[in-house]
Amino acid sequence: MKQVLEFEKPLVKTSEELDELRRRNNVKPSEKIALQIAELEKKFHRLQDEIYSHLTPWQRVQIARHTQRPYMLDYAKLCFEDFMELHGDRHIGDDNAMPGGFATIDGRRVMLIGQQKGRDTKENLLRNFGSAHPEGYRKALRLMRMAEKFSLPVIAMIDTPGAFPGIGAEERNIAEAIAFNLREMMTIRTPMVSVVIGEGGSGGALGIGVTDRVLMLENAYYSVISPEGCAAILWKDRKHAPEAAEALKLSAQHLMELNIIDGIIPEPAGGAHHDHTAAAQYLKAGLQTALDELASQSPKQLLAKRYNKFRAFGQFTEAA
């Protein structure tokens, strides 16, 4: 069943009316019905522009979580060729929430890493709802080191509500695995690009996000905590999640203004879940631009700029 977001319901209703008019016109063509179709199409596009050009941060969070949105492995098929998945962290085991391996993007060989969610219960259990275990982060770092060895750029696709907080993950030291990645990614001597394709939750996102270029899809979000978690702490009630989303400044537009990210990749009208192919084309173009910008820089330049980029975070001004 197709997931319909609350603010999209007027569009769905108009679309259903259009489908019914087209069906009737196909059965018995009529000039009157043709005019009605033309008018309703105008109304649909006007409504679409009105809704999607004034999205609130909370509405963007809902789009980022949409179950029909393209996931990491969807983009691996649509943007890349010859994706060959590699497994295991060489310590504990493999993590299906963090697939990665060699891939090619328009003739350029890269190391592709990312977080993968599932669309149904069975797949979500396999992928742990996109929340990686410690071995997922250790595998990611292993693949980054392999990319460095062969002078391959790294592309990391972020899409997680956060790292897995379960007992097993804590026993295997999830905090240390992420902290170790944060430090080590500062030292990897090859171009690295990360892109938030859906949810960018807390340290789970940062664990593969310390890169030379940090990009975001137009309707993704990137935050230290989920809006619901923030609302539960500050308001003691999750119903305040829309207010929390606004206060957190978690949208791509806000983060670009704050210089936390380096670029926003557009999405098809209504969001990536409406057109996977078009979304992949936009993403591919954004990745190629970022890789081209980094290709001419020496490892020494990359490391210096990467370090300075993240050290500059956290600036603030005090009101009089």
C-alpha atoms as a PDB file:
ATOM      1  CA  MET A   1       0.000   0.000   0.000  1.00  0.00           C
ATOM      2  CA  LYS A   2       1.311   3.439  -0.940  1.00  0.00           C
ATOM      3  CA  GLN A   3       2.106   5.668   2.034  1.00  0.00           C
ATOM      4  CA  VAL A   4       0.306   9.028   1.847  1.00  0.00           C
ATOM      5  CA  LEU A   5       1.504  11.848   4.093  1.00  0.00           C
ATOM      6  CA  GLU A   6      -1.117  14.066   5.737  1.00  0.00           C
ATOM      7  CA  PHE A   7      -0.199  17.209   3.807  1.00  0.00           C
ATOM      8  CA  GLU A   8      -0.242  15.282   0.518  1.00  0.00           C
ATOM      9  CA  LYS A   9      -3.897  14.226   0.844  1.00  0.00           C
ATOM     10  CA  PRO A  10      -5.338  17.180  -1.158  1.00  0.00           C
ATOM     11  CA  LEU A  11      -2.991  16.232  -4.018  1.00  0.00           C
ATOM     12  CA  VAL A  12      -4.003  12.573  -3.853  1.00  0.00           C
ATOM     13  CA  LYS A  13      -7.687  13.532  -3.954  1.00  0.00           C
ATOM     14  CA  THR A  14      -7.138  15.756  -7.009  1.00  0.00           C
ATOM     15  CA  SER A  15      -5.068  13.038  -8.682  1.00  0.00           C
ATOM     16  CA  GLU A  16      -7.868  10.488  -8.139  1.00  0.00           C
ATOM     17  CA  GLU A  17     -10.400  12.898  -9.656  1.00  0.00           C
ATOM     18  CA  LEU A  18      -8.100  13.341 -12.656  1.00  0.00           C
ATOM     19  CA  ASP A  19      -7.747   9.585 -13.102  1.00  0.00           C
ATOM     20  CA  GLU A  20     -11.538   9.178 -13.033  1.00  0.00           C
ATOM     21  CA  LEU A  21     -12.063  11.928 -15.644  1.00  0.00           C
ATOM     22  CA  ARG A  22      -9.393  10.410 -17.899  1.00  0.00           C
ATOM     23  CA  ARG A  23     -11.026   6.994 -17.571  1.00  0.00           C
ATOM     24  CA  ARG A  24     -14.399   8.422 -18.553  1.00  0.00           C
ATOM     25  CA  ASN A  25     -12.839  10.335 -21.447  1.00  0.00           C
ATOM     26  CA  ASN A  26     -11.169   7.166 -22.729  1.00  0.00           C
ATOM     27  CA  VAL A  27     -14.474   5.268 -22.655  1.00  0.00           C
ATOM     28  CA  LYS A  28     -16.500   8.081 -24.238  1.00  0.00           C
ATOM     29  CA  PRO A  29     -14.412  11.050 -25.502  1.00  0.00           C
ATOM     30  CA  SER A  30     -16.014  14.412 -24.806  1.00  0.00           C
ATOM     31  CA  GLU A  31     -14.864  17.991 -25.329  1.00  0.00           C
ATOM     32  CA  LYS A  32     -16.470  18.989 -22.029  1.00  0.00           C
ATOM     33  CA  ILE A  33     -14.537  16.308 -20.108  1.00  0.00           C
ATOM     34  CA  ALA A  34     -11.322  17.250 -21.921  1.00  0.00           C
ATOM     35  CA  LEU A  35     -11.742  20.841 -20.695  1.00  0.00           C
ATOM     36  CA  GLN A  36     -12.395  19.596 -17.159  1.00  0.00           C
ATOM     37  CA  ILE A  37      -9.217  17.517 -17.332  1.00  0.00           C
ATOM     38  CA  ALA A  38      -7.184  20.531 -18.487  1.00  0.00           C
ATOM     39  CA  GLU A  39      -8.563  22.667 -15.646  1.00  0.00           C
ATOM     40  CA  LEU A  40      -7.965  19.966 -13.050  1.00  0.00           C
ATOM     41  CA  GLU A  41      -4.386  19.450 -14.292  1.00  0.00           C
ATOM     42  CA  LYS A  42      -3.740  23.170 -13.799  1.00  0.00           C
ATOM     43  CA  LYS A  43      -5.232  22.930 -10.313  1.00  0.00           C
ATOM     44  CA  PHE A  44      -3.055  19.883  -9.522  1.00  0.00           C
ATOM     45  CA  HIS A  45       0.195  21.614 -10.574  1.00  0.00           C
ATOM     46  CA  ARG A  46      -0.791  24.810  -8.750  1.00  0.00           C
ATOM     47  CA  LEU A  47      -1.534  22.816  -5.583  1.00  0.00           C
ATOM     48  CA  GLN A  48       1.697  20.859  -5.967  1.00  0.00           C
ATOM     49  CA  ASP A  49       3.752  24.066  -6.219  1.00  0.00           C
ATOM     50  CA  GLU A  50       1.904  25.584  -3.276  1.00  0.00           C
ATOM     51  CA  ILE A  51       2.480  22.581  -0.997  1.00  0.00           C
ATOM     52  CA  TYR A  52       6.057  21.666  -1.874  1.00  0.00           C
ATOM     53  CA  SER A  53       7.431  25.206  -2.039  1.00  0.00           C
ATOM     54  CA  HIS A  54       6.348  25.900   1.558  1.00  0.00           C
ATOM     55  CA  LEU A  55       7.295  22.704   3.384  1.00  0.00           C
ATOM     56  CA  THR A  56       7.958  22.982   7.109  1.00  0.00           C
ATOM     57  CA  PRO A  57      10.990  21.213   8.663  1.00  0.00           C
ATOM     58  CA  TRP A  58       8.615  18.618  10.181  1.00  0.00           C
ATOM     59  CA  GLN A  59       7.070  17.890   6.781  1.00  0.00           C
ATOM     60  CA  ARG A  60      10.562  17.393   5.349  1.00  0.00           C
ATOM     61  CA  VAL A  61      11.290  14.926   8.168  1.00  0.00           C
ATOM     62  CA  GLN A  62       8.174  12.988   7.144  1.00  0.00           C
ATOM     63  CA  ILE A  63       9.317  12.938   3.500  1.00  0.00           C
ATOM     64  CA  ALA A  64      12.814  11.835   4.578  1.00  0.00           C
ATOM     65  CA  ARG A  65      11.230   8.838   6.339  1.00  0.00           C
ATOM     66  CA  HIS A  66       8.860   7.915   3.511  1.00  0.00           C
ATOM     67  CA  THR A  67       8.902   4.150   2.949  1.00  0.00           C
ATOM     68  CA  GLN A  68       8.869   4.513  -0.850  1.00  0.00           C
ATOM     69  CA  ARG A  69      11.911   6.797  -0.814  1.00  0.00           C
ATOM     70  CA  PRO A  70      14.992   5.407  -2.606  1.00  0.00           C
ATOM     71  CA  TYR A  71      17.472   3.771  -0.237  1.00  0.00           C
ATOM     72  CA  MET A  72      21.229   3.300  -0.497  1.00  0.00           C
ATOM     73  CA  LEU A  73      21.082   0.065  -2.525  1.00  0.00           C
ATOM     74  CA  ASP A  74      18.480   1.627  -4.868  1.00  0.00           C
ATOM     75  CA  TYR A  75      20.952   4.406  -5.651  1.00  0.00           C
ATOM     76  CA  ALA A  76      23.736   1.819  -5.984  1.00  0.00           C
ATOM     77  CA  LYS A  77      21.766   0.371  -8.921  1.00  0.00           C
ATOM     78  CA  LEU A  78      20.565   3.664 -10.406  1.00  0.00           C
ATOM     79  CA  CYS A  79      23.682   5.854 -10.078  1.00  0.00           C
ATOM     80  CA  PHE A  80      26.524   3.330 -10.225  1.00  0.00           C
ATOM     81  CA  GLU A  81      27.712   0.380 -12.253  1.00  0.00           C
ATOM     82  CA  ASP A  82      29.440  -2.818 -11.147  1.00  0.00           C
ATOM     83  CA  PHE A  83      28.646  -2.504  -7.428  1.00  0.00           C
ATOM     84  CA  MET A  84      30.462  -5.380  -5.707  1.00  0.00           C
ATOM     85  CA  GLU A  85      29.581  -5.688  -2.046  1.00  0.00           C
ATOM     86  CA  LEU A  86      32.288  -6.549   0.484  1.00  0.00           C
ATOM     87  CA  HIS A  87      31.488  -8.081   3.864  1.00  0.00           C
ATOM     88  CA  GLY A  88      32.776  -8.236   7.417  1.00  0.00           C
ATOM     89  CA  ASP A  89      34.720  -6.036   9.832  1.00  0.00           C
ATOM     90  CA  ARG A  90      37.481  -8.649  10.454  1.00  0.00           C
ATOM     91  CA  HIS A  91      36.695  -8.522  14.190  1.00  0.00           C
ATOM     92  CA  ILE A  92      33.127  -9.631  14.970  1.00  0.00           C
ATOM     93  CA  GLY A  93      31.175 -10.181  11.765  1.00  0.00           C
ATOM     94  CA  ASP A  94      29.136  -8.468   9.080  1.00  0.00           C
ATOM     95  CA  ASP A  95      26.410  -5.839   9.437  1.00  0.00           C
ATOM     96  CA  ASN A  96      23.583  -5.783   6.895  1.00  0.00           C
ATOM     97  CA  ALA A  97      22.603  -2.274   7.992  1.00  0.00           C
ATOM     98  CA  MET A  98      25.878  -0.940   6.526  1.00  0.00           C
ATOM     99  CA  PRO A  99      26.520  -2.388   3.046  1.00  0.00           C
ATOM    100  CA  GLY A 100      29.579  -1.253   1.120  1.00  0.00           C
ATOM    101  CA  GLY A 101      31.915  -2.191  -1.681  1.00  0.00           C
ATOM    102  CA  PHE A 102      33.542  -1.218  -4.952  1.00  0.00           C
ATOM    103  CA  ALA A 103      31.454   0.618  -7.553  1.00  0.00           C
ATOM    104  CA  THR A 104      31.882   2.688 -10.705  1.00  0.00           C
ATOM    105  CA  ILE A 105      30.281   6.045 -11.461  1.00  0.00           C
ATOM    106  CA  ASP A 106      30.692   7.061 -15.112  1.00  0.00           C
ATOM    107  CA  GLY A 107      33.996   5.235 -15.447  1.00  0.00           C
ATOM    108  CA  ARG A 108      35.384   6.445 -12.108  1.00  0.00           C
ATOM    109  CA  ARG A 109      36.071   3.641  -9.621  1.00  0.00           C
ATOM    110  CA  VAL A 110      34.968   4.452  -6.052  1.00  0.00           C
ATOM    111  CA  MET A 111      34.304   2.846  -2.691  1.00  0.00           C
ATOM    112  CA  LEU A 112      30.593   3.108  -1.916  1.00  0.00           C
ATOM    113  CA  ILE A 113      29.410   2.794   1.702  1.00  0.00           C
ATOM    114  CA  GLY A 114      26.020   3.534   3.228  1.00  0.00           C
ATOM    115  CA  GLN A 115      23.213   2.725   5.600  1.00  0.00           C
ATOM    116  CA  GLN A 116      20.347   0.616   4.306  1.00  0.00           C
ATOM    117  CA  LYS A 117      16.779   0.435   5.612  1.00  0.00           C
ATOM    118  CA  GLY A 118      14.062  -2.057   4.733  1.00  0.00           C
ATOM    119  CA  ARG A 119      10.577  -1.540   3.279  1.00  0.00           C
ATOM    120  CA  ASP A 120       8.792  -4.419   4.989  1.00  0.00           C
ATOM    121  CA  THR A 121       9.123  -6.216   8.315  1.00  0.00           C
ATOM    122  CA  LYS A 122      11.362  -8.990   6.985  1.00  0.00           C
ATOM    123  CA  GLU A 123      13.760  -6.579   5.283  1.00  0.00           C
ATOM    124  CA  ASN A 124      13.769  -4.195   8.255  1.00  0.00           C
ATOM    125  CA  LEU A 125      14.759  -7.042  10.557  1.00  0.00           C
ATOM    126  CA  LEU A 126      17.573  -7.948   8.157  1.00  0.00           C
ATOM    127  CA  ARG A 127      18.754  -4.318   7.919  1.00  0.00           C
ATOM    128  CA  ASN A 128      17.981  -3.484  11.575  1.00  0.00           C
ATOM    129  CA  PHE A 129      15.877  -0.502  10.440  1.00  0.00           C
ATOM    130  CA  GLY A 130      19.023   1.196   9.121  1.00  0.00           C
ATOM    131  CA  SER A 131      20.637   1.352  12.580  1.00  0.00           C
ATOM    132  CA  ALA A 132      24.146  -0.065  12.371  1.00  0.00           C
ATOM    133  CA  HIS A 133      25.948  -2.109  15.019  1.00  0.00           C
ATOM    134  CA  PRO A 134      29.605  -1.480  15.987  1.00  0.00           C
ATOM    135  CA  GLU A 135      30.737  -3.984  13.348  1.00  0.00           C
ATOM    136  CA  GLY A 136      28.999  -1.848  10.709  1.00  0.00           C
ATOM    137  CA  TYR A 137      31.134   1.175  11.567  1.00  0.00           C
ATOM    138  CA  ARG A 138      34.277  -0.958  11.790  1.00  0.00           C
ATOM    139  CA  LYS A 139      33.493  -2.455   8.381  1.00  0.00           C
ATOM    140  CA  ALA A 140      32.955   1.033   6.960  1.00  0.00           C
ATOM    141  CA  LEU A 141      36.353   2.160   8.240  1.00  0.00           C
ATOM    142  CA  ARG A 142      37.994  -0.985   6.864  1.00  0.00           C
ATOM    143  CA  LEU A 143      36.583  -0.191   3.420  1.00  0.00           C
ATOM    144  CA  MET A 144      37.690   3.431   3.669  1.00  0.00           C
ATOM    145  CA  ARG A 145      41.220   2.279   4.466  1.00  0.00           C
ATOM    146  CA  MET A 146      41.075  -0.076   1.499  1.00  0.00           C
ATOM    147  CA  ALA A 147      39.980   2.826  -0.715  1.00  0.00           C
ATOM    148  CA  GLU A 148      42.916   4.867   0.576  1.00  0.00           C
ATOM    149  CA  LYS A 149      45.296   2.016  -0.256  1.00  0.00           C
ATOM    150  CA  PHE A 150      44.117   1.939  -3.879  1.00  0.00           C
ATOM    151  CA  SER A 151      43.675   5.755  -4.177  1.00  0.00           C
ATOM    152  CA  LEU A 152      39.909   5.484  -4.696  1.00  0.00           C
ATOM    153  CA  PRO A 153      37.446   8.210  -3.656  1.00  0.00           C
ATOM    154  CA  VAL A 154      34.967   7.272  -0.923  1.00  0.00           C
ATOM    155  CA  ILE A 155      31.231   7.960  -1.214  1.00  0.00           C
ATOM    156  CA  ALA A 156      29.158   7.517   1.948  1.00  0.00           C
ATOM    157  CA  MET A 157      25.341   7.557   1.859  1.00  0.00           C
ATOM    158  CA  ILE A 158      23.797   8.480   5.198  1.00  0.00           C
ATOM    159  CA  ASP A 159      20.287   7.260   6.009  1.00  0.00           C
ATOM    160  CA  THR A 160      19.803   6.253   9.627  1.00  0.00           C
ATOM    161  CA  PRO A 161      17.659   7.274  12.601  1.00  0.00           C
ATOM    162  CA  GLY A 162      20.811   6.626  14.665  1.00  0.00           C
ATOM    163  CA  ALA A 163      23.263   3.886  15.584  1.00  0.00           C
ATOM    164  CA  PHE A 164      21.740   0.824  17.264  1.00  0.00           C
ATOM    165  CA  PRO A 165      21.433   1.448  21.046  1.00  0.00           C
ATOM    166  CA  GLY A 166      20.764  -2.160  22.089  1.00  0.00           C
ATOM    167  CA  ILE A 167      22.552  -4.163  24.786  1.00  0.00           C
ATOM    168  CA  GLY A 168      24.625  -6.155  22.272  1.00  0.00           C
ATOM    169  CA  ALA A 169      25.827  -2.992  20.556  1.00  0.00           C
ATOM    170  CA  GLU A 170      26.776  -1.468  23.906  1.00  0.00           C
ATOM    171  CA  GLU A 171      28.630  -4.658  24.881  1.00  0.00           C
ATOM    172  CA  ARG A 172      30.621  -4.462  21.638  1.00  0.00           C
ATOM    173  CA  ASN A 173      31.286  -0.753  22.289  1.00  0.00           C
ATOM    174  CA  ILE A 174      29.210   1.207  19.767  1.00  0.00           C
ATOM    175  CA  ALA A 175      30.374   4.556  21.200  1.00  0.00           C
ATOM    176  CA  GLU A 176      34.036   3.640  20.762  1.00  0.00           C
ATOM    177  CA  ALA A 177      33.447   2.374  17.211  1.00  0.00           C
ATOM    178  CA  ILE A 178      31.862   5.694  16.175  1.00  0.00           C
ATOM    179  CA  ALA A 179      34.424   7.820  18.040  1.00  0.00           C
ATOM    180  CA  PHE A 180      37.260   5.849  16.449  1.00  0.00           C
ATOM    181  CA  ASN A 181      35.737   6.469  12.990  1.00  0.00           C
ATOM    182  CA  LEU A 182      35.464  10.210  13.664  1.00  0.00           C
ATOM    183  CA  ARG A 183      39.159  10.379  14.454  1.00  0.00           C
ATOM    184  CA  GLU A 184      40.362   8.065  11.721  1.00  0.00           C
ATOM    185  CA  MET A 185      38.298   9.663   8.950  1.00  0.00           C
ATOM    186  CA  MET A 186      40.258  12.864   9.572  1.00  0.00           C
ATOM    187  CA  THR A 187      43.418  11.032   8.496  1.00  0.00           C
ATOM    188  CA  ILE A 188      42.288   9.139   5.377  1.00  0.00           C
ATOM    189  CA  ARG A 189      44.327  10.394   2.433  1.00  0.00           C
ATOM    190  CA  THR A 190      41.797  10.111  -0.365  1.00  0.00           C
ATOM    191  CA  PRO A 191      38.825  12.281  -1.464  1.00  0.00           C
ATOM    192  CA  MET A 192      35.678  11.577   0.552  1.00  0.00           C
ATOM    193  CA  VAL A 193      32.097  12.690  -0.090  1.00  0.00           C
ATOM    194  CA  SER A 194      29.066  11.966   2.082  1.00  0.00           C
ATOM    195  CA  VAL A 195      25.433  12.631   1.234  1.00  0.00           C
ATOM    196  CA  VAL A 196      22.422  12.489   3.541  1.00  0.00           C
ATOM    197  CA  ILE A 197      19.783  10.744   1.405  1.00  0.00           C
ATOM    198  CA  GLY A 198      17.081  10.440   4.074  1.00  0.00           C
ATOM    199  CA  GLU A 199      17.525  10.523   7.838  1.00  0.00           C
ATOM    200  CA  GLY A 200      20.789  11.785   9.304  1.00  0.00           C
ATOM    201  CA  GLY A 201      20.456  10.884  12.959  1.00  0.00           C
ATOM    202  CA  SER A 202      23.047  11.788  15.585  1.00  0.00           C
ATOM    203  CA  GLY A 203      26.378   9.938  15.904  1.00  0.00           C
ATOM    204  CA  GLY A 204      25.016   7.150  13.733  1.00  0.00           C
ATOM    205  CA  ALA A 205      25.181   9.562  10.804  1.00  0.00           C
ATOM    206  CA  LEU A 206      28.459  11.209  11.833  1.00  0.00           C
ATOM    207  CA  GLY A 207      30.163   7.811  12.024  1.00  0.00           C
ATOM    208  CA  ILE A 208      30.484   7.827   8.223  1.00  0.00           C
ATOM    209  CA  GLY A 209      30.054  11.576   7.700  1.00  0.00           C
ATOM    210  CA  VAL A 210      33.450  13.176   8.404  1.00  0.00           C
ATOM    211  CA  THR A 211      34.229  13.896   4.752  1.00  0.00           C
ATOM    212  CA  ASP A 212      35.602  16.603   2.463  1.00  0.00           C
ATOM    213  CA  ARG A 213      32.143  17.355   1.077  1.00  0.00           C
ATOM    214  CA  VAL A 214      28.899  16.842   2.991  1.00  0.00           C
ATOM    215  CA  LEU A 215      25.829  17.034   0.752  1.00  0.00           C
ATOM    216  CA  MET A 216      22.115  16.619   1.471  1.00  0.00           C
ATOM    217  CA  LEU A 217      19.123  15.779  -0.623  1.00  0.00           C
ATOM    218  CA  GLU A 218      16.550  18.559  -0.585  1.00  0.00           C
ATOM    219  CA  ASN A 219      14.121  16.753   1.733  1.00  0.00           C
ATOM    220  CA  ALA A 220      16.592  14.930   3.974  1.00  0.00           C
ATOM    221  CA  TYR A 221      17.330  15.949   7.547  1.00  0.00           C
ATOM    222  CA  TYR A 222      20.520  15.931   9.622  1.00  0.00           C
ATOM    223  CA  SER A 223      20.317  16.391  13.383  1.00  0.00           C
ATOM    224  CA  VAL A 224      21.891  15.602  16.737  1.00  0.00           C
ATOM    225  CA  ILE A 225      18.574  14.091  17.882  1.00  0.00           C
ATOM    226  CA  SER A 226      15.222  13.173  16.340  1.00  0.00           C
ATOM    227  CA  PRO A 227      12.406  15.747  16.672  1.00  0.00           C
ATOM    228  CA  GLU A 228      10.438  13.251  18.779  1.00  0.00           C
ATOM    229  CA  GLY A 229      13.409  12.681  21.095  1.00  0.00           C
ATOM    230  CA  CYS A 230      13.955  16.416  21.475  1.00  0.00           C
ATOM    231  CA  ALA A 231      10.243  16.988  22.190  1.00  0.00           C
ATOM    232  CA  ALA A 232      10.221  14.222  24.802  1.00  0.00           C
ATOM    233  CA  ILE A 233      13.150  15.868  26.617  1.00  0.00           C
ATOM    234  CA  LEU A 234      12.140  19.533  26.382  1.00  0.00           C
ATOM    235  CA  TRP A 235       8.336  19.355  26.366  1.00  0.00           C
ATOM    236  CA  LYS A 236       7.905  15.930  27.991  1.00  0.00           C
ATOM    237  CA  ASP A 237       5.563  15.074  25.109  1.00  0.00           C
ATOM    238  CA  ARG A 238       6.334  13.783  21.597  1.00  0.00           C
ATOM    239  CA  LYS A 239       3.371  15.707  20.149  1.00  0.00           C
ATOM    240  CA  HIS A 240       5.659  18.767  20.092  1.00  0.00           C
ATOM    241  CA  ALA A 241       7.886  17.133  17.433  1.00  0.00           C
ATOM    242  CA  PRO A 242       6.923  19.747  14.762  1.00  0.00           C
ATOM    243  CA  GLU A 243       8.086  22.561  17.055  1.00  0.00           C
ATOM    244  CA  ALA A 244      11.258  20.639  17.877  1.00  0.00           C
ATOM    245  CA  ALA A 245      11.988  20.120  14.170  1.00  0.00           C
ATOM    246  CA  GLU A 246      11.762  23.881  13.626  1.00  0.00           C
ATOM    247  CA  ALA A 247      13.999  24.654  16.614  1.00  0.00           C
ATOM    248  CA  LEU A 248      16.636  22.055  15.674  1.00  0.00           C
ATOM    249  CA  LYS A 249      17.315  23.694  12.263  1.00  0.00           C
ATOM    250  CA  LEU A 250      17.680  20.203  10.790  1.00  0.00           C
ATOM    251  CA  SER A 251      16.628  20.828   7.179  1.00  0.00           C
ATOM    252  CA  ALA A 252      19.114  21.091   4.334  1.00  0.00           C
ATOM    253  CA  GLN A 253      18.155  24.736   3.823  1.00  0.00           C
ATOM    254  CA  HIS A 254      18.913  25.655   7.451  1.00  0.00           C
ATOM    255  CA  LEU A 255      22.141  23.630   7.558  1.00  0.00           C
ATOM    256  CA  MET A 256      23.392  25.263   4.367  1.00  0.00           C
ATOM    257  CA  GLU A 257      22.869  28.688   5.979  1.00  0.00           C
ATOM    258  CA  LEU A 258      24.805  27.523   9.044  1.00  0.00           C
ATOM    259  CA  ASN A 259      27.695  26.174   6.881  1.00  0.00           C
ATOM    260  CA  ILE A 260      27.264  22.666   8.284  1.00  0.00           C
ATOM    261  CA  ILE A 261      26.833  21.150   4.819  1.00  0.00           C
ATOM    262  CA  ASP A 262      28.418  22.010   1.466  1.00  0.00           C
ATOM    263  CA  GLY A 263      25.544  21.583  -0.960  1.00  0.00           C
ATOM    264  CA  ILE A 264      21.887  20.714  -1.483  1.00  0.00           C
ATOM    265  CA  ILE A 265      20.900  18.199  -4.171  1.00  0.00           C
ATOM    266  CA  PRO A 266      17.430  18.870  -5.607  1.00  0.00           C
ATOM    267  CA  GLU A 267      14.695  16.248  -5.706  1.00  0.00           C
ATOM    268  CA  PRO A 268      11.833  15.681  -8.170  1.00  0.00           C
ATOM    269  CA  ALA A 269       8.568  17.512  -7.470  1.00  0.00           C
ATOM    270  CA  GLY A 270       7.065  16.150  -4.266  1.00  0.00           C
ATOM    271  CA  GLY A 271      10.194  14.301  -3.172  1.00  0.00           C
ATOM    272  CA  ALA A 272      12.442  11.448  -4.275  1.00  0.00           C
ATOM    273  CA  HIS A 273       9.736   8.847  -3.511  1.00  0.00           C
ATOM    274  CA  HIS A 274       7.708  10.111  -6.491  1.00  0.00           C
ATOM    275  CA  ASP A 275      10.437   9.442  -9.095  1.00  0.00           C
ATOM    276  CA  HIS A 276      13.432   7.257  -8.209  1.00  0.00           C
ATOM    277  CA  THR A 277      15.068   7.641 -11.611  1.00  0.00           C
ATOM    278  CA  ALA A 278      14.974  11.445 -11.595  1.00  0.00           C
ATOM    279  CA  ALA A 279      16.185  11.520  -7.971  1.00  0.00           C
ATOM    280  CA  ALA A 280      19.121   9.284  -8.929  1.00  0.00           C
ATOM    281  CA  GLN A 281      20.040  11.569 -11.837  1.00  0.00           C
ATOM    282  CA  TYR A 282      20.158  14.581  -9.521  1.00  0.00           C
ATOM    283  CA  LEU A 283      22.223  12.649  -6.975  1.00  0.00           C
ATOM    284  CA  LYS A 284      24.644  11.361  -9.592  1.00  0.00           C
ATOM    285  CA  ALA A 285      25.230  14.878 -10.932  1.00  0.00           C
ATOM    286  CA  GLY A 286      25.853  16.211  -7.413  1.00  0.00           C
ATOM    287  CA  LEU A 287      28.335  13.436  -6.612  1.00  0.00           C
ATOM    288  CA  GLN A 288      30.217  13.891  -9.874  1.00  0.00           C
ATOM    289  CA  THR A 289      30.552  17.631  -9.275  1.00  0.00           C
ATOM    290  CA  ALA A 290      31.911  17.052  -5.764  1.00  0.00           C
ATOM    291  CA  LEU A 291      34.372  14.381  -6.929  1.00  0.00           C
ATOM    292  CA  ASP A 292      35.590  16.617  -9.771  1.00  0.00           C
ATOM    293  CA  GLU A 293      36.219  19.476  -7.307  1.00  0.00           C
ATOM    294  CA  LEU A 294      38.286  17.208  -5.048  1.00  0.00           C
ATOM    295  CA  ALA A 295      40.213  15.339  -7.745  1.00  0.00           C
ATOM    296  CA  SER A 296      42.847  18.050  -8.256  1.00  0.00           C
ATOM    297  CA  GLN A 297      43.712  18.378  -4.547  1.00  0.00           C
ATOM    298  CA  SER A 298      46.693  16.617  -3.018  1.00  0.00           C
ATOM    299  CA  PRO A 299      46.241  14.352   0.038  1.00  0.00           C
ATOM    300  CA  LYS A 300      47.925  17.018   2.182  1.00  0.00           C
ATOM    301  CA  GLN A 301      45.456  19.676   0.990  1.00  0.00           C
ATOM    302  CA  LEU A 302      42.495  17.342   1.538  1.00  0.00           C
ATOM    303  CA  LEU A 303      43.500  16.580   5.124  1.00  0.00           C
ATOM    304  CA  ALA A 304      44.149  20.220   6.018  1.00  0.00           C
ATOM    305  CA  LYS A 305      40.850  21.450   4.562  1.00  0.00           C
ATOM    306  CA  ARG A 306      38.874  18.572   6.086  1.00  0.00           C
ATOM    307  CA  TYR A 307      40.308  19.287   9.532  1.00  0.00           C
ATOM    308  CA  ASN A 308      39.646  23.037   9.286  1.00  0.00           C
ATOM    309  CA  LYS A 309      36.129  22.445   7.976  1.00  0.00           C
ATOM    310  CA  PHE A 310      35.041  20.455  11.029  1.00  0.00           C
ATOM    311  CA  ARG A 311      36.993  22.600  13.510  1.00  0.00           C
ATOM    312  CA  ALA A 312      34.979  25.620  12.339  1.00  0.00           C
ATOM    313  CA  PHE A 313      31.682  24.091  13.504  1.00  0.00           C
ATOM    314  CA  GLY A 314      30.016  25.411  16.628  1.00  0.00           C
ATOM    315  CA  GLN A 315      30.454  29.160  16.075  1.00  0.00           C
ATOM    316  CA  PHE A 316      27.839  31.290  17.785  1.00  0.00           C
ATOM    317  CA  THR A 317      26.947  34.889  18.558  1.00  0.00           C
ATOM    318  CA  GLU A 318      25.449  36.259  21.742  1.00  0.00           C
ATOM    319  CA  ALA A 319      22.427  38.536  21.635  1.00  0.00           C
ATOM    320  CA  ALA A 320      22.817  41.921  23.251  1.00  0.00           C
END
